[in-house]
């Protein structure tokens, strides 16, 4: 198993009254993830930037850590 730290930004939207994650975006570093999240904040219900560990062989993500959040967001499971 080969793990690598990745930085993702996850916007949230409302679908039929429920908070739903949108399309995940990848960032090159924590500062870039925070900038992307801040830029999206006015256009979505909520957005969060995370640091996650990714198994490069399987693509599984673990150990999510919130870098920043704006608006309404939901917890993501490891």
PDB file of N, CA and C in Angstrom:
ATOM      1  N   UNK A   1       0.844  -1.171   0.000  1.00  0.00           N
ATOM      2  CA  UNK A   1       0.000   0.000   0.000  1.00  0.00           C
ATOM      3  C   UNK A   1       0.893   1.240   0.000  1.00  0.00           C
ATOM      4  N   UNK A   2       0.646   2.127  -0.947  1.00  0.00           N
ATOM      5  CA  UNK A   2       1.418   3.348  -1.072  1.00  0.00           C
ATOM      6  C   UNK A   2       0.483   4.537  -0.859  1.00  0.00           C
ATOM      7  N   UNK A   3       0.699   5.292   0.230  1.00  0.00           N
ATOM      8  CA  UNK A   3      -0.168   6.421   0.551  1.00  0.00           C
ATOM      9  C   UNK A   3       0.461   7.742   0.116  1.00  0.00           C
ATOM     10  N   UNK A   4      -0.404   8.646  -0.318  1.00  0.00           N
ATOM     11  CA  UNK A   4       0.029   9.977  -0.726  1.00  0.00           C
ATOM     12  C   UNK A   4      -0.982  10.991  -0.203  1.00  0.00           C
ATOM     13  N   UNK A   5      -0.495  12.120   0.287  1.00  0.00           N
ATOM     14  CA  UNK A   5      -1.401  13.167   0.752  1.00  0.00           C
ATOM     15  C   UNK A   5      -1.896  13.968  -0.441  1.00  0.00           C
ATOM     16  N   UNK A   6      -3.211  14.146  -0.516  1.00  0.00           N
ATOM     17  CA  UNK A   6      -3.844  14.927  -1.577  1.00  0.00           C
ATOM     18  C   UNK A   6      -4.707  16.003  -0.943  1.00  0.00           C
ATOM     19  N   UNK A   7      -4.976  17.042  -1.695  1.00  0.00           N
ATOM     20  CA  UNK A   7      -5.775  18.164  -1.220  1.00  0.00           C
ATOM     21  C   UNK A   7      -6.984  18.301  -2.131  1.00  0.00           C
ATOM     22  N   UNK A   8      -8.166  18.262  -1.528  1.00  0.00           N
ATOM     23  CA  UNK A   8      -9.393  18.300  -2.324  1.00  0.00           C
ATOM     24  C   UNK A   8     -10.315  19.394  -1.814  1.00  0.00           C
ATOM     25  N   UNK A   9     -11.164  19.858  -2.714  1.00  0.00           N
ATOM     26  CA  UNK A   9     -12.186  20.849  -2.389  1.00  0.00           C
ATOM     27  C   UNK A   9     -13.520  20.226  -2.779  1.00  0.00           C
ATOM     28  N   UNK A  10     -14.456  20.251  -1.841  1.00  0.00           N
ATOM     29  CA  UNK A  10     -15.749  19.616  -2.065  1.00  0.00           C
ATOM     30  C   UNK A  10     -16.866  20.637  -1.848  1.00  0.00           C
ATOM     31  N   UNK A  11     -17.533  21.057  -2.940  1.00  0.00           N
ATOM     32  CA  UNK A  11     -18.671  21.962  -2.789  1.00  0.00           C
ATOM     33  C   UNK A  11     -19.918  21.158  -2.403  1.00  0.00           C
ATOM     34  N   UNK A  12     -20.861  21.819  -1.776  1.00  0.00           N
ATOM     35  CA  UNK A  12     -22.125  21.184  -1.396  1.00  0.00           C
ATOM     36  C   UNK A  12     -23.275  21.978  -1.984  1.00  0.00           C
ATOM     37  N   UNK A  13     -24.344  21.276  -2.328  1.00  0.00           N
ATOM     38  CA  UNK A  13     -25.541  21.903  -2.881  1.00  0.00           C
ATOM     39  C   UNK A  13     -26.759  21.270  -2.223  1.00  0.00           C
ATOM     40  N   UNK A  14     -27.902  21.879  -2.420  1.00  0.00           N
ATOM     41  CA  UNK A  14     -29.157  21.320  -1.909  1.00  0.00           C
ATOM     42  C   UNK A  14     -29.887  20.642  -3.064  1.00  0.00           C
ATOM     43  N   UNK A  15     -30.268  19.390  -2.849  1.00  0.00           N
ATOM     44  CA  UNK A  15     -31.057  18.641  -3.816  1.00  0.00           C
ATOM     45  C   UNK A  15     -32.277  18.112  -3.067  1.00  0.00           C
ATOM     46  N   UNK A  16     -33.443  18.613  -3.451  1.00  0.00           N
ATOM     47  CA  UNK A  16     -34.698  18.236  -2.792  1.00  0.00           C
ATOM     48  C   UNK A  16     -34.622  18.427  -1.280  1.00  0.00           C
ATOM     49  N   UNK A  17     -33.991  19.514  -0.877  1.00  0.00           N
ATOM     50  CA  UNK A  17     -33.906  19.850   0.539  1.00  0.00           C
ATOM     51  C   UNK A  17     -32.762  19.206   1.295  1.00  0.00           C
ATOM     52  N   UNK A  18     -32.042  18.283   0.661  1.00  0.00           N
ATOM     53  CA  UNK A  18     -30.934  17.597   1.329  1.00  0.00           C
ATOM     54  C   UNK A  18     -29.592  18.161   0.879  1.00  0.00           C
ATOM     55  N   UNK A  19     -28.654  18.251   1.808  1.00  0.00           N
ATOM     56  CA  UNK A  19     -27.301  18.695   1.507  1.00  0.00           C
ATOM     57  C   UNK A  19     -26.564  17.563   0.793  1.00  0.00           C
ATOM     58  N   UNK A  20     -26.062  17.856  -0.404  1.00  0.00           N
ATOM     59  CA  UNK A  20     -25.436  16.842  -1.244  1.00  0.00           C
ATOM     60  C   UNK A  20     -24.077  17.335  -1.735  1.00  0.00           C
ATOM     61  N   UNK A  21     -23.045  16.456  -1.703  1.00  0.00           N
ATOM     62  CA  UNK A  21     -21.743  16.890  -2.232  1.00  0.00           C
ATOM     63  C   UNK A  21     -21.793  17.051  -3.747  1.00  0.00           C
ATOM     64  N   UNK A  22     -21.065  18.054  -4.229  1.00  0.00           N
ATOM     65  CA  UNK A  22     -20.950  18.290  -5.664  1.00  0.00           C
ATOM     66  C   UNK A  22     -19.700  17.628  -6.205  1.00  0.00           C
ATOM     67  N   UNK A  23     -19.199  18.157  -7.297  1.00  0.00           N
ATOM     68  CA  UNK A  23     -18.016  17.583  -7.946  1.00  0.00           C
ATOM     69  C   UNK A  23     -16.746  17.973  -7.197  1.00  0.00           C
ATOM     70  N   UNK A  24     -15.977  16.975  -6.809  1.00  0.00           N
ATOM     71  CA  UNK A  24     -14.737  17.189  -6.071  1.00  0.00           C
ATOM     72  C   UNK A  24     -13.673  17.767  -7.006  1.00  0.00           C
ATOM     73  N   UNK A  25     -12.903  18.718  -6.479  1.00  0.00           N
ATOM     74  CA  UNK A  25     -11.786  19.308  -7.229  1.00  0.00           C
ATOM     75  C   UNK A  25     -10.495  19.041  -6.477  1.00  0.00           C
ATOM     76  N   UNK A  26      -9.442  18.779  -7.196  1.00  0.00           N
ATOM     77  CA  UNK A  26      -8.148  18.539  -6.573  1.00  0.00           C
ATOM     78  C   UNK A  26      -7.319  19.820  -6.617  1.00  0.00           C
ATOM     79  N   UNK A  27      -6.510  20.016  -5.577  1.00  0.00           N
ATOM     80  CA  UNK A  27      -5.615  21.178  -5.511  1.00  0.00           C
ATOM     81  C   UNK A  27      -4.193  20.682  -5.323  1.00  0.00           C
ATOM     82  N   UNK A  28      -3.234  21.512  -5.662  1.00  0.00           N
ATOM     83  CA  UNK A  28      -1.827  21.101  -5.608  1.00  0.00           C
ATOM     84  C   UNK A  28      -1.216  21.205  -4.219  1.00  0.00           C
ATOM     85  N   UNK A  29      -1.804  22.050  -3.357  1.00  0.00           N
ATOM     86  CA  UNK A  29      -1.265  22.224  -1.999  1.00  0.00           C
ATOM     87  C   UNK A  29      -2.366  22.790  -1.107  1.00  0.00           C
ATOM     88  N   UNK A  30      -2.140  22.843   0.210  1.00  0.00           N
ATOM     89  CA  UNK A  30      -3.194  23.321   1.109  1.00  0.00           C
ATOM     90  C   UNK A  30      -3.635  24.763   0.835  1.00  0.00           C
ATOM     91  N   UNK A  31      -2.702  25.639   0.524  1.00  0.00           N
ATOM     92  CA  UNK A  31      -3.052  27.035   0.254  1.00  0.00           C
ATOM     93  C   UNK A  31      -3.935  27.150  -0.985  1.00  0.00           C
ATOM     94  N   UNK A  32      -3.626  26.377  -2.016  1.00  0.00           N
ATOM     95  CA  UNK A  32      -4.434  26.388  -3.238  1.00  0.00           C
ATOM     96  C   UNK A  32      -5.834  25.854  -2.944  1.00  0.00           C
ATOM     97  N   UNK A  33      -5.941  24.821  -2.124  1.00  0.00           N
ATOM     98  CA  UNK A  33      -7.247  24.260  -1.765  1.00  0.00           C
ATOM     99  C   UNK A  33      -8.084  25.311  -1.046  1.00  0.00           C
ATOM    100  N   UNK A  34      -7.475  26.049  -0.143  1.00  0.00           N
ATOM    101  CA  UNK A  34      -8.197  27.086   0.589  1.00  0.00           C
ATOM    102  C   UNK A  34      -8.626  28.220  -0.339  1.00  0.00           C
ATOM    103  N   UNK A  35      -7.775  28.599  -1.282  1.00  0.00           N
ATOM    104  CA  UNK A  35      -8.139  29.653  -2.245  1.00  0.00           C
ATOM    105  C   UNK A  35      -9.310  29.217  -3.122  1.00  0.00           C
ATOM    106  N   UNK A  36      -9.286  27.973  -3.587  1.00  0.00           N
ATOM    107  CA  UNK A  36     -10.377  27.462  -4.428  1.00  0.00           C
ATOM    108  C   UNK A  36     -11.677  27.446  -3.634  1.00  0.00           C
ATOM    109  N   UNK A  37     -11.613  26.967  -2.387  1.00  0.00           N
ATOM    110  CA  UNK A  37     -12.813  26.919  -1.541  1.00  0.00           C
ATOM    111  C   UNK A  37     -13.377  28.320  -1.327  1.00  0.00           C
ATOM    112  N   UNK A  38     -12.513  29.273  -1.042  1.00  0.00           N
ATOM    113  CA  UNK A  38     -12.964  30.650  -0.814  1.00  0.00           C
ATOM    114  C   UNK A  38     -13.596  31.236  -2.074  1.00  0.00           C
ATOM    115  N   UNK A  39     -13.029  30.934  -3.230  1.00  0.00           N
ATOM    116  CA  UNK A  39     -13.578  31.441  -4.489  1.00  0.00           C
ATOM    117  C   UNK A  39     -14.952  30.844  -4.786  1.00  0.00           C
ATOM    118  N   UNK A  40     -15.185  29.604  -4.374  1.00  0.00           N
ATOM    119  CA  UNK A  40     -16.470  28.938  -4.613  1.00  0.00           C
ATOM    120  C   UNK A  40     -17.535  29.320  -3.593  1.00  0.00           C
ATOM    121  N   UNK A  41     -17.135  29.847  -2.455  1.00  0.00           N
ATOM    122  CA  UNK A  41     -18.037  30.051  -1.320  1.00  0.00           C
ATOM    123  C   UNK A  41     -19.288  30.864  -1.657  1.00  0.00           C
ATOM    124  N   UNK A  42     -19.185  31.846  -2.526  1.00  0.00           N
ATOM    125  CA  UNK A  42     -20.342  32.685  -2.861  1.00  0.00           C
ATOM    126  C   UNK A  42     -21.282  32.038  -3.873  1.00  0.00           C
ATOM    127  N   UNK A  43     -20.848  30.942  -4.487  1.00  0.00           N
ATOM    128  CA  UNK A  43     -21.647  30.324  -5.550  1.00  0.00           C
ATOM    129  C   UNK A  43     -22.323  29.027  -5.152  1.00  0.00           C
ATOM    130  N   UNK A  44     -22.031  28.501  -3.955  1.00  0.00           N
ATOM    131  CA  UNK A  44     -22.607  27.231  -3.516  1.00  0.00           C
ATOM    132  C   UNK A  44     -23.154  27.382  -2.098  1.00  0.00           C
ATOM    133  N   UNK A  45     -23.937  26.406  -1.659  1.00  0.00           N
ATOM    134  CA  UNK A  45     -24.496  26.416  -0.308  1.00  0.00           C
ATOM    135  C   UNK A  45     -23.380  26.315   0.728  1.00  0.00           C
ATOM    136  N   UNK A  46     -22.382  25.524   0.419  1.00  0.00           N
ATOM    137  CA  UNK A  46     -21.244  25.350   1.303  1.00  0.00           C
ATOM    138  C   UNK A  46     -20.091  24.732   0.545  1.00  0.00           C
ATOM    139  N   UNK A  47     -18.886  24.854   1.103  1.00  0.00           N
ATOM    140  CA  UNK A  47     -17.706  24.276   0.472  1.00  0.00           C
ATOM    141  C   UNK A  47     -16.670  24.025   1.563  1.00  0.00           C
ATOM    142  N   UNK A  48     -15.924  22.933   1.414  1.00  0.00           N
ATOM    143  CA  UNK A  48     -14.863  22.618   2.373  1.00  0.00           C
ATOM    144  C   UNK A  48     -13.635  22.141   1.621  1.00  0.00           C
ATOM    145  N   UNK A  49     -12.475  22.482   2.170  1.00  0.00           N
ATOM    146  CA  UNK A  49     -11.197  21.998   1.635  1.00  0.00           C
ATOM    147  C   UNK A  49     -10.656  20.973   2.632  1.00  0.00           C
ATOM    148  N   UNK A  50     -10.151  19.873   2.111  1.00  0.00           N
ATOM    149  CA  UNK A  50      -9.663  18.775   2.939  1.00  0.00           C
ATOM    150  C   UNK A  50      -8.267  18.340   2.518  1.00  0.00           C
ATOM    151  N   UNK A  51      -7.566  17.775   3.470  1.00  0.00           N
ATOM    152  CA  UNK A  51      -6.349  17.027   3.218  1.00  0.00           C
ATOM    153  C   UNK A  51      -6.732  15.564   3.456  1.00  0.00           C
ATOM    154  N   UNK A  52      -6.432  14.690   2.513  1.00  0.00           N
ATOM    155  CA  UNK A  52      -6.756  13.267   2.663  1.00  0.00           C
ATOM    156  C   UNK A  52      -5.548  12.428   2.270  1.00  0.00           C
ATOM    157  N   UNK A  53      -5.490  11.241   2.815  1.00  0.00           N
ATOM    158  CA  UNK A  53      -4.470  10.282   2.413  1.00  0.00           C
ATOM    159  C   UNK A  53      -5.109   9.350   1.393  1.00  0.00           C
ATOM    160  N   UNK A  54      -4.450   9.166   0.256  1.00  0.00           N
ATOM    161  CA  UNK A  54      -4.987   8.347  -0.828  1.00  0.00           C
ATOM    162  C   UNK A  54      -4.059   7.165  -1.063  1.00  0.00           C
ATOM    163  N   UNK A  55      -4.659   5.973  -1.092  1.00  0.00           N
ATOM    164  CA  UNK A  55      -3.921   4.766  -1.454  1.00  0.00           C
ATOM    165  C   UNK A  55      -3.771   4.798  -2.971  1.00  0.00           C
ATOM    166  N   UNK A  56      -2.558   4.951  -3.448  1.00  0.00           N
ATOM    167  CA  UNK A  56      -2.326   5.103  -4.889  1.00  0.00           C
ATOM    168  C   UNK A  56      -2.676   3.853  -5.684  1.00  0.00           C
ATOM    169  N   UNK A  57      -2.707   2.702  -5.041  1.00  0.00           N
ATOM    170  CA  UNK A  57      -3.037   1.459  -5.740  1.00  0.00           C
ATOM    171  C   UNK A  57      -4.540   1.271  -5.902  1.00  0.00           C
ATOM    172  N   UNK A  58      -5.321   1.640  -4.871  1.00  0.00           N
ATOM    173  CA  UNK A  58      -6.759   1.391  -4.912  1.00  0.00           C
ATOM    174  C   UNK A  58      -7.590   2.654  -5.113  1.00  0.00           C
ATOM    175  N   UNK A  59      -7.013   3.813  -4.815  1.00  0.00           N
ATOM    176  CA  UNK A  59      -7.748   5.071  -4.906  1.00  0.00           C
ATOM    177  C   UNK A  59      -8.570   5.381  -3.670  1.00  0.00           C
ATOM    178  N   UNK A  60      -8.505   4.528  -2.648  1.00  0.00           N
ATOM    179  CA  UNK A  60      -9.251   4.749  -1.412  1.00  0.00           C
ATOM    180  C   UNK A  60      -8.701   5.948  -0.655  1.00  0.00           C
ATOM    181  N   UNK A  61      -9.614   6.772  -0.127  1.00  0.00           N
ATOM    182  CA  UNK A  61      -9.215   7.938   0.658  1.00  0.00           C
ATOM    183  C   UNK A  61      -9.447   7.662   2.139  1.00  0.00           C
ATOM    184  N   UNK A  62      -8.483   8.087   2.978  1.00  0.00           N
ATOM    185  CA  UNK A  62      -8.612   7.931   4.421  1.00  0.00           C
ATOM    186  C   UNK A  62      -8.130   9.197   5.115  1.00  0.00           C
ATOM    187  N   UNK A  63      -8.377   9.265   6.391  1.00  0.00           N
ATOM    188  CA  UNK A  63      -7.884  10.341   7.262  1.00  0.00           C
ATOM    189  C   UNK A  63      -8.204  11.742   6.757  1.00  0.00           C
ATOM    190  N   UNK A  64      -9.486  12.039   6.467  1.00  0.00           N
ATOM    191  CA  UNK A  64      -9.793  13.403   6.025  1.00  0.00           C
ATOM    192  C   UNK A  64      -9.567  14.409   7.150  1.00  0.00           C
ATOM    193  N   UNK A  65      -8.955  15.524   6.805  1.00  0.00           N
ATOM    194  CA  UNK A  65      -8.710  16.603   7.757  1.00  0.00           C
ATOM    195  C   UNK A  65      -9.184  17.903   7.111  1.00  0.00           C
ATOM    196  N   UNK A  66     -10.067  18.617   7.794  1.00  0.00           N
ATOM    197  CA  UNK A  66     -10.628  19.862   7.261  1.00  0.00           C
ATOM    198  C   UNK A  66      -9.577  20.961   7.308  1.00  0.00           C
ATOM    199  N   UNK A  67      -9.348  21.598   6.167  1.00  0.00           N
ATOM    200  CA  UNK A  67      -8.445  22.747   6.093  1.00  0.00           C
ATOM    201  C   UNK A  67      -9.218  24.043   6.317  1.00  0.00           C
ATOM    202  N   UNK A  68     -10.417  24.127   5.714  1.00  0.00           N
ATOM    203  CA  UNK A  68     -11.300  25.273   5.911  1.00  0.00           C
ATOM    204  C   UNK A  68     -12.687  24.892   5.419  1.00  0.00           C
ATOM    205  N   UNK A  69     -13.677  25.633   5.888  1.00  0.00           N
ATOM    206  CA  UNK A  69     -15.052  25.441   5.393  1.00  0.00           C
ATOM    207  C   UNK A  69     -15.812  26.748   5.398  1.00  0.00           C
ATOM    208  N   UNK A  70     -16.737  26.830   4.453  1.00  0.00           N
ATOM    209  CA  UNK A  70     -17.581  28.010   4.309  1.00  0.00           C
ATOM    210  C   UNK A  70     -19.001  27.535   4.107  1.00  0.00           C
ATOM    211  N   UNK A  71     -19.963  28.176   4.774  1.00  0.00           N
ATOM    212  CA  UNK A  71     -21.377  27.835   4.602  1.00  0.00           C
ATOM    213  C   UNK A  71     -21.735  26.491   5.214  1.00  0.00           C
ATOM    214  N   UNK A  72     -22.755  25.860   4.637  1.00  0.00           N
ATOM    215  CA  UNK A  72     -23.237  24.573   5.140  1.00  0.00           C
ATOM    216  C   UNK A  72     -22.447  23.434   4.499  1.00  0.00           C
ATOM    217  N   UNK A  73     -21.863  22.597   5.332  1.00  0.00           N
ATOM    218  CA  UNK A  73     -21.116  21.444   4.836  1.00  0.00           C
ATOM    219  C   UNK A  73     -21.510  20.215   5.652  1.00  0.00           C
ATOM    220  N   UNK A  74     -21.191  19.053   5.135  1.00  0.00           N
ATOM    221  CA  UNK A  74     -21.432  17.797   5.838  1.00  0.00           C
ATOM    222  C   UNK A  74     -20.100  17.116   6.088  1.00  0.00           C
ATOM    223  N   UNK A  75     -20.072  16.259   7.069  1.00  0.00           N
ATOM    224  CA  UNK A  75     -18.852  15.497   7.341  1.00  0.00           C
ATOM    225  C   UNK A  75     -18.662  14.471   6.222  1.00  0.00           C
ATOM    226  N   UNK A  76     -17.410  14.229   5.858  1.00  0.00           N
ATOM    227  CA  UNK A  76     -17.146  13.160   4.900  1.00  0.00           C
ATOM    228  C   UNK A  76     -16.558  11.986   5.670  1.00  0.00           C
ATOM    229  N   UNK A  77     -16.921  10.802   5.260  1.00  0.00           N
ATOM    230  CA  UNK A  77     -16.455   9.595   5.938  1.00  0.00           C
ATOM    231  C   UNK A  77     -15.113   9.160   5.338  1.00  0.00           C
ATOM    232  N   UNK A  78     -14.294   8.566   6.176  1.00  0.00           N
ATOM    233  CA  UNK A  78     -13.006   8.050   5.716  1.00  0.00           C
ATOM    234  C   UNK A  78     -13.204   6.803   4.879  1.00  0.00           C
TER     235      UNK A  78
END
